C-alpha cells in the first residue's frame, strides 16, 4: 500500500480549488494508496486555527478534512514541517502531496514522487513511483 503524506497547504486550499483528494489522486496513481497526516501538519493547522480572519477559518475547515486521513506515527523531532514530510516519505518509500513548489522540487531532487497541482483543480504526478 502506497503511503501519501499530505502537506498543510493542500488541506488549506483543497476546498477552494474543489479538489476531492482521493478521487483526483486515483485518476493519476494506479495502485492502492492511503493518505497520511503527519503530526507536524496537524500542529500547524491547530496553531493556524487560533488566528483570526481568513487563515483561521481555512485552518478550521482543514482540520475537518483531517478526519479522513490516517495519522502517521512518528516520534522523531524535525526542524519544520517540510523536512518532516520529506524525511517520512523517504523513509517509507512514500509520496508527498503538496501545492508548495519549493517542497515539490526538494522532493523530486531526493527521488521522492510528488502529487501537486498544475492547473486550477487538476493534480499531476512529478517524479516516478517505485
N, C-alpha and C. Protein backbone atom coordinates (compact mmCIF):
# COMPACT_ATOMS: atom_id res chain seq x y z
N UNK A 1 0.84 -1.18 0.00
CA UNK A 1 0.00 0.00 0.00
C UNK A 1 0.89 1.25 0.00
N UNK A 2 0.67 2.12 -0.93
CA UNK A 2 1.46 3.34 -1.06
C UNK A 2 1.00 4.37 -0.02
N UNK A 3 1.97 4.95 0.69
CA UNK A 3 1.66 5.99 1.67
C UNK A 3 1.86 7.36 1.02
N UNK A 4 0.83 8.18 1.12
CA UNK A 4 0.90 9.54 0.60
C UNK A 4 0.79 10.50 1.78
N UNK A 5 1.81 11.35 1.91
CA UNK A 5 1.88 12.31 3.02
C UNK A 5 1.32 13.66 2.55
N UNK A 6 0.29 14.12 3.22
CA UNK A 6 -0.42 15.34 2.81
C UNK A 6 0.17 16.55 3.52
N UNK A 7 0.54 17.55 2.73
CA UNK A 7 1.12 18.78 3.26
C UNK A 7 0.01 19.74 3.72
N UNK A 8 0.38 20.64 4.57
CA UNK A 8 -0.56 21.60 5.15
C UNK A 8 -1.30 22.41 4.09
N UNK A 9 -0.58 22.90 3.09
CA UNK A 9 -1.20 23.78 2.10
C UNK A 9 -2.27 23.07 1.28
N UNK A 10 -2.16 21.78 1.12
CA UNK A 10 -3.19 21.02 0.40
C UNK A 10 -4.49 21.06 1.18
N UNK A 11 -4.40 20.84 2.48
CA UNK A 11 -5.60 20.85 3.31
C UNK A 11 -6.21 22.25 3.40
N UNK A 12 -5.36 23.26 3.39
CA UNK A 12 -5.86 24.63 3.46
C UNK A 12 -6.57 25.07 2.18
N UNK A 13 -6.18 24.51 1.03
CA UNK A 13 -6.69 25.00 -0.25
C UNK A 13 -7.52 24.00 -1.05
N UNK A 14 -7.64 22.77 -0.59
CA UNK A 14 -8.35 21.74 -1.37
C UNK A 14 -9.81 22.12 -1.63
N UNK A 15 -10.48 22.66 -0.63
CA UNK A 15 -11.89 23.01 -0.83
C UNK A 15 -12.07 24.15 -1.83
N UNK A 16 -11.27 25.19 -1.70
CA UNK A 16 -11.43 26.33 -2.62
C UNK A 16 -11.07 25.94 -4.05
N UNK A 17 -10.16 24.98 -4.22
CA UNK A 17 -9.80 24.51 -5.56
C UNK A 17 -10.74 23.41 -6.04
N UNK A 18 -11.65 23.02 -5.17
CA UNK A 18 -12.65 21.97 -5.48
C UNK A 18 -11.99 20.65 -5.87
N UNK A 19 -10.99 20.28 -5.09
CA UNK A 19 -10.29 19.03 -5.33
C UNK A 19 -10.73 18.00 -4.30
N UNK A 20 -11.27 16.89 -4.79
CA UNK A 20 -11.59 15.76 -3.92
C UNK A 20 -10.34 14.87 -3.96
N UNK A 21 -9.60 14.87 -2.88
CA UNK A 21 -8.26 14.29 -2.88
C UNK A 21 -8.22 12.85 -3.36
N UNK A 22 -8.97 11.98 -2.74
CA UNK A 22 -8.88 10.56 -3.12
C UNK A 22 -9.27 10.32 -4.56
N UNK A 23 -10.31 10.99 -5.03
CA UNK A 23 -10.73 10.82 -6.42
C UNK A 23 -9.67 11.33 -7.39
N UNK A 24 -9.16 12.52 -7.11
CA UNK A 24 -8.17 13.13 -8.00
C UNK A 24 -6.87 12.33 -8.03
N UNK A 25 -6.44 11.85 -6.88
CA UNK A 25 -5.21 11.06 -6.83
C UNK A 25 -5.42 9.72 -7.54
N UNK A 26 -6.59 9.13 -7.35
CA UNK A 26 -6.91 7.86 -8.00
C UNK A 26 -6.88 7.93 -9.52
N UNK A 27 -7.06 9.13 -10.06
CA UNK A 27 -7.00 9.30 -11.52
C UNK A 27 -5.58 9.29 -12.05
N UNK A 28 -4.58 9.55 -11.18
CA UNK A 28 -3.20 9.61 -11.67
C UNK A 28 -2.29 8.54 -11.08
N UNK A 29 -2.73 7.89 -10.01
CA UNK A 29 -1.93 6.81 -9.42
C UNK A 29 -2.74 5.53 -9.51
N UNK A 30 -2.16 4.56 -10.20
CA UNK A 30 -2.87 3.32 -10.50
C UNK A 30 -2.46 2.21 -9.53
N UNK A 31 -2.53 2.50 -8.24
CA UNK A 31 -2.29 1.48 -7.22
C UNK A 31 -2.98 1.91 -5.93
N UNK A 32 -3.12 0.98 -5.02
CA UNK A 32 -3.77 1.29 -3.76
C UNK A 32 -2.90 2.25 -2.96
N UNK A 33 -3.55 3.22 -2.32
CA UNK A 33 -2.82 4.20 -1.52
C UNK A 33 -3.64 4.59 -0.30
N UNK A 34 -2.95 5.15 0.67
CA UNK A 34 -3.58 5.70 1.86
C UNK A 34 -3.01 7.10 2.08
N UNK A 35 -3.86 8.01 2.52
CA UNK A 35 -3.45 9.38 2.79
C UNK A 35 -3.11 9.51 4.27
N UNK A 36 -1.92 10.06 4.55
CA UNK A 36 -1.45 10.19 5.92
C UNK A 36 -1.27 11.65 6.32
N UNK A 37 -1.61 11.91 7.58
CA UNK A 37 -1.41 13.22 8.19
C UNK A 37 -0.24 13.11 9.15
N UNK A 38 0.80 13.88 8.89
CA UNK A 38 1.96 13.90 9.78
C UNK A 38 1.61 14.78 10.98
N UNK A 39 2.07 14.41 12.18
CA UNK A 39 1.76 15.23 13.37
C UNK A 39 2.19 16.69 13.23
N UNK A 40 3.25 16.96 12.51
CA UNK A 40 3.68 18.35 12.34
C UNK A 40 2.68 19.15 11.52
N UNK A 41 2.03 18.50 10.56
CA UNK A 41 0.98 19.16 9.77
C UNK A 41 -0.21 19.46 10.68
N UNK A 42 -0.59 18.50 11.47
CA UNK A 42 -1.71 18.70 12.40
C UNK A 42 -1.41 19.87 13.35
N UNK A 43 -0.20 19.93 13.86
CA UNK A 43 0.18 21.02 14.77
C UNK A 43 0.11 22.37 14.07
N UNK A 44 0.56 22.44 12.82
CA UNK A 44 0.48 23.69 12.06
C UNK A 44 -0.97 24.15 11.90
N UNK A 45 -1.85 23.21 11.61
CA UNK A 45 -3.26 23.54 11.43
C UNK A 45 -3.90 24.01 12.73
N UNK A 46 -3.56 23.36 13.82
CA UNK A 46 -4.11 23.74 15.12
C UNK A 46 -3.67 25.16 15.48
N UNK A 47 -2.39 25.46 15.24
CA UNK A 47 -1.89 26.82 15.51
C UNK A 47 -2.59 27.84 14.62
N UNK A 48 -2.73 27.53 13.35
CA UNK A 48 -3.36 28.46 12.41
C UNK A 48 -4.84 28.65 12.71
N UNK A 49 -5.50 27.65 13.26
CA UNK A 49 -6.92 27.76 13.59
C UNK A 49 -7.16 28.80 14.68
N UNK A 50 -6.15 29.10 15.45
CA UNK A 50 -6.26 30.10 16.50
C UNK A 50 -6.08 31.53 16.02
N UNK A 51 -5.74 31.69 14.75
CA UNK A 51 -5.53 33.01 14.17
C UNK A 51 -6.88 33.56 13.69
N UNK A 52 -7.11 34.82 13.94
CA UNK A 52 -8.35 35.44 13.47
C UNK A 52 -8.28 35.66 11.96
N UNK A 53 -9.44 35.71 11.34
CA UNK A 53 -9.51 36.03 9.93
C UNK A 53 -9.58 34.82 9.01
N UNK A 54 -9.25 35.09 7.76
CA UNK A 54 -9.38 34.09 6.69
C UNK A 54 -8.51 32.85 6.95
N UNK A 55 -7.26 33.06 7.39
CA UNK A 55 -6.38 31.93 7.65
C UNK A 55 -6.94 31.02 8.74
N UNK A 56 -7.45 31.60 9.79
CA UNK A 56 -8.04 30.81 10.87
C UNK A 56 -9.24 30.01 10.40
N UNK A 57 -10.08 30.63 9.59
CA UNK A 57 -11.26 29.90 9.06
C UNK A 57 -10.83 28.75 8.16
N UNK A 58 -9.84 29.01 7.30
CA UNK A 58 -9.34 27.94 6.42
C UNK A 58 -8.76 26.79 7.24
N UNK A 59 -8.01 27.13 8.27
CA UNK A 59 -7.39 26.10 9.11
C UNK A 59 -8.46 25.26 9.82
N UNK A 60 -9.51 25.89 10.28
CA UNK A 60 -10.60 25.14 10.93
C UNK A 60 -11.26 24.17 9.95
N UNK A 61 -11.49 24.63 8.73
CA UNK A 61 -12.05 23.74 7.70
C UNK A 61 -11.07 22.62 7.36
N UNK A 62 -9.79 22.95 7.30
CA UNK A 62 -8.76 21.95 7.01
C UNK A 62 -8.71 20.90 8.11
N UNK A 63 -8.88 21.31 9.35
CA UNK A 63 -8.89 20.34 10.45
C UNK A 63 -10.05 19.35 10.31
N UNK A 64 -11.16 19.80 9.75
CA UNK A 64 -12.27 18.89 9.50
C UNK A 64 -11.87 17.83 8.47
N UNK A 65 -11.09 18.23 7.47
CA UNK A 65 -10.64 17.28 6.44
C UNK A 65 -9.70 16.21 7.01
N UNK A 66 -9.00 16.55 8.09
CA UNK A 66 -8.02 15.60 8.63
C UNK A 66 -8.67 14.34 9.16
N UNK A 67 -9.97 14.39 9.45
CA UNK A 67 -10.64 13.18 9.94
C UNK A 67 -10.68 12.08 8.88
N UNK A 68 -10.46 12.45 7.62
CA UNK A 68 -10.46 11.49 6.52
C UNK A 68 -9.08 10.88 6.29
N UNK A 69 -8.08 11.34 7.04
CA UNK A 69 -6.70 10.89 6.85
C UNK A 69 -6.27 9.98 8.00
N UNK A 70 -5.31 9.13 7.71
CA UNK A 70 -4.72 8.30 8.75
C UNK A 70 -3.60 9.09 9.43
N UNK A 71 -3.49 8.97 10.73
CA UNK A 71 -2.43 9.67 11.45
C UNK A 71 -1.15 8.87 11.33
N UNK A 72 -0.10 9.52 10.89
CA UNK A 72 1.21 8.89 10.80
C UNK A 72 1.88 8.99 12.16
N UNK A 73 2.38 7.89 12.65
CA UNK A 73 3.05 7.87 13.95
C UNK A 73 4.54 8.08 13.75
N UNK A 74 5.05 9.12 14.36
CA UNK A 74 6.45 9.46 14.20
C UNK A 74 6.94 10.13 15.47
N UNK A 75 7.95 9.55 16.09
CA UNK A 75 8.46 10.09 17.35
C UNK A 75 9.69 10.98 17.15
N UNK A 76 10.13 11.14 15.92
CA UNK A 76 11.31 11.96 15.66
C UNK A 76 10.95 13.45 15.74
N UNK A 77 11.95 14.24 16.03
CA UNK A 77 11.80 15.70 16.08
C UNK A 77 12.44 16.28 14.81
N UNK A 78 11.73 17.20 14.17
CA UNK A 78 12.19 17.77 12.91
C UNK A 78 12.28 19.29 13.02
N UNK A 79 13.09 19.87 12.16
CA UNK A 79 13.19 21.33 12.05
C UNK A 79 12.23 21.82 10.99
N UNK A 80 10.95 21.64 11.21
CA UNK A 80 9.94 22.13 10.28
C UNK A 80 9.13 21.04 9.63
N UNK A 81 7.97 21.45 9.17
CA UNK A 81 7.01 20.52 8.57
C UNK A 81 7.51 19.95 7.25
N UNK A 82 8.10 20.78 6.41
CA UNK A 82 8.58 20.29 5.12
C UNK A 82 9.60 19.17 5.30
N UNK A 83 10.51 19.35 6.22
CA UNK A 83 11.54 18.33 6.47
C UNK A 83 10.90 17.06 7.03
N UNK A 84 9.92 17.22 7.90
CA UNK A 84 9.23 16.06 8.48
C UNK A 84 8.55 15.24 7.40
N UNK A 85 7.84 15.92 6.51
CA UNK A 85 7.15 15.21 5.43
C UNK A 85 8.14 14.57 4.48
N UNK A 86 9.15 15.32 4.08
CA UNK A 86 10.16 14.82 3.15
C UNK A 86 10.86 13.59 3.72
N UNK A 87 11.33 13.68 4.95
CA UNK A 87 12.06 12.57 5.56
C UNK A 87 11.16 11.35 5.78
N UNK A 88 9.92 11.57 6.17
CA UNK A 88 8.99 10.45 6.39
C UNK A 88 8.67 9.75 5.08
N UNK A 89 8.45 10.53 4.02
CA UNK A 89 8.17 9.93 2.71
C UNK A 89 9.38 9.16 2.21
N UNK A 90 10.56 9.68 2.44
CA UNK A 90 11.79 8.99 2.04
C UNK A 90 11.94 7.67 2.80
N UNK A 91 11.72 7.71 4.09
CA UNK A 91 11.84 6.52 4.94
C UNK A 91 10.81 5.44 4.58
N UNK A 92 9.60 5.88 4.20
CA UNK A 92 8.50 4.94 3.92
C UNK A 92 8.35 4.61 2.44
N UNK A 93 9.26 5.13 1.60
CA UNK A 93 9.12 5.00 0.14
C UNK A 93 7.74 5.49 -0.30
N UNK A 94 7.34 6.62 0.27
CA UNK A 94 6.03 7.18 0.01
C UNK A 94 6.06 8.31 -0.99
N UNK A 95 4.94 8.98 -1.07
CA UNK A 95 4.72 10.09 -1.99
C UNK A 95 4.31 11.29 -1.16
N UNK A 96 4.67 12.48 -1.62
CA UNK A 96 4.26 13.71 -0.96
C UNK A 96 3.17 14.38 -1.80
N UNK A 97 2.12 14.83 -1.14
CA UNK A 97 1.06 15.59 -1.79
C UNK A 97 1.18 17.02 -1.29
N UNK A 98 1.59 17.93 -2.17
CA UNK A 98 1.81 19.32 -1.78
C UNK A 98 1.50 20.26 -2.93
N UNK A 99 1.14 21.50 -2.59
CA UNK A 99 0.99 22.55 -3.59
C UNK A 99 2.16 23.53 -3.51
N UNK A 100 3.13 23.23 -2.68
CA UNK A 100 4.30 24.08 -2.46
C UNK A 100 5.39 23.73 -3.48
N UNK A 101 5.72 24.67 -4.36
CA UNK A 101 6.69 24.41 -5.43
C UNK A 101 8.08 24.10 -4.88
N UNK A 102 8.49 24.81 -3.85
CA UNK A 102 9.81 24.55 -3.28
C UNK A 102 9.90 23.14 -2.71
N UNK A 103 8.89 22.73 -1.98
CA UNK A 103 8.88 21.38 -1.42
C UNK A 103 8.83 20.34 -2.54
N UNK A 104 8.04 20.62 -3.57
CA UNK A 104 7.96 19.70 -4.71
C UNK A 104 9.34 19.49 -5.33
N UNK A 105 10.07 20.57 -5.56
CA UNK A 105 11.40 20.47 -6.17
C UNK A 105 12.38 19.75 -5.24
N UNK A 106 12.31 20.02 -3.95
CA UNK A 106 13.19 19.34 -2.99
C UNK A 106 12.93 17.84 -2.99
N UNK A 107 11.66 17.45 -3.03
CA UNK A 107 11.32 16.03 -3.02
C UNK A 107 11.81 15.33 -4.28
N UNK A 108 11.51 15.90 -5.43
CA UNK A 108 11.90 15.29 -6.70
C UNK A 108 13.42 15.16 -6.77
N UNK A 109 14.13 16.18 -6.27
CA UNK A 109 15.59 16.13 -6.25
C UNK A 109 16.12 14.99 -5.39
N UNK A 110 15.34 14.60 -4.38
CA UNK A 110 15.74 13.50 -3.49
C UNK A 110 15.15 12.16 -3.93
N UNK A 111 14.47 12.13 -5.06
CA UNK A 111 13.92 10.89 -5.60
C UNK A 111 12.56 10.52 -5.05
N UNK A 112 11.86 11.48 -4.46
CA UNK A 112 10.53 11.23 -3.90
C UNK A 112 9.49 11.73 -4.89
N UNK A 113 8.55 10.87 -5.25
CA UNK A 113 7.47 11.27 -6.14
C UNK A 113 6.55 12.25 -5.42
N UNK A 114 5.98 13.18 -6.18
CA UNK A 114 5.12 14.21 -5.62
C UNK A 114 3.86 14.33 -6.45
N UNK A 115 2.73 14.46 -5.77
CA UNK A 115 1.48 14.81 -6.42
C UNK A 115 1.25 16.28 -6.09
N UNK A 116 1.02 17.08 -7.14
CA UNK A 116 0.85 18.52 -6.94
C UNK A 116 -0.13 19.06 -7.97
N UNK A 117 -0.55 20.29 -7.76
CA UNK A 117 -1.46 20.91 -8.71
C UNK A 117 -0.69 21.47 -9.91
N UNK A 118 -1.31 21.40 -11.07
CA UNK A 118 -0.69 22.01 -12.24
C UNK A 118 -1.69 22.88 -12.99
N UNK A 119 -2.94 22.75 -12.67
CA UNK A 119 -4.00 23.63 -13.15
C UNK A 119 -4.90 23.89 -11.96
N UNK A 120 -5.85 24.77 -12.12
CA UNK A 120 -6.72 25.19 -11.02
C UNK A 120 -7.19 24.02 -10.16
N UNK A 121 -7.78 23.01 -10.75
CA UNK A 121 -8.32 21.90 -9.96
C UNK A 121 -7.85 20.54 -10.46
N UNK A 122 -6.63 20.51 -10.99
CA UNK A 122 -6.05 19.27 -11.52
C UNK A 122 -4.77 18.94 -10.79
N UNK A 123 -4.55 17.64 -10.59
CA UNK A 123 -3.33 17.18 -9.96
C UNK A 123 -2.47 16.45 -10.99
N UNK A 124 -1.17 16.45 -10.72
CA UNK A 124 -0.21 15.78 -11.61
C UNK A 124 0.84 15.09 -10.76
N UNK A 125 1.35 13.98 -11.25
CA UNK A 125 2.44 13.26 -10.58
C UNK A 125 3.77 13.74 -11.13
N UNK A 126 4.64 14.17 -10.23
CA UNK A 126 6.01 14.57 -10.58
C UNK A 126 6.95 13.52 -10.02
N UNK A 127 7.91 13.10 -10.82
CA UNK A 127 8.82 12.03 -10.38
C UNK A 127 8.24 10.68 -10.75
N UNK A 128 8.83 9.64 -10.18
CA UNK A 128 8.44 8.28 -10.54
C UNK A 128 8.12 7.47 -9.31
N UNK A 129 7.17 6.55 -9.45
CA UNK A 129 6.83 5.62 -8.38
C UNK A 129 7.66 4.36 -8.54
N UNK A 130 8.08 3.77 -7.43
CA UNK A 130 8.85 2.51 -7.49
C UNK A 130 7.98 1.36 -7.93
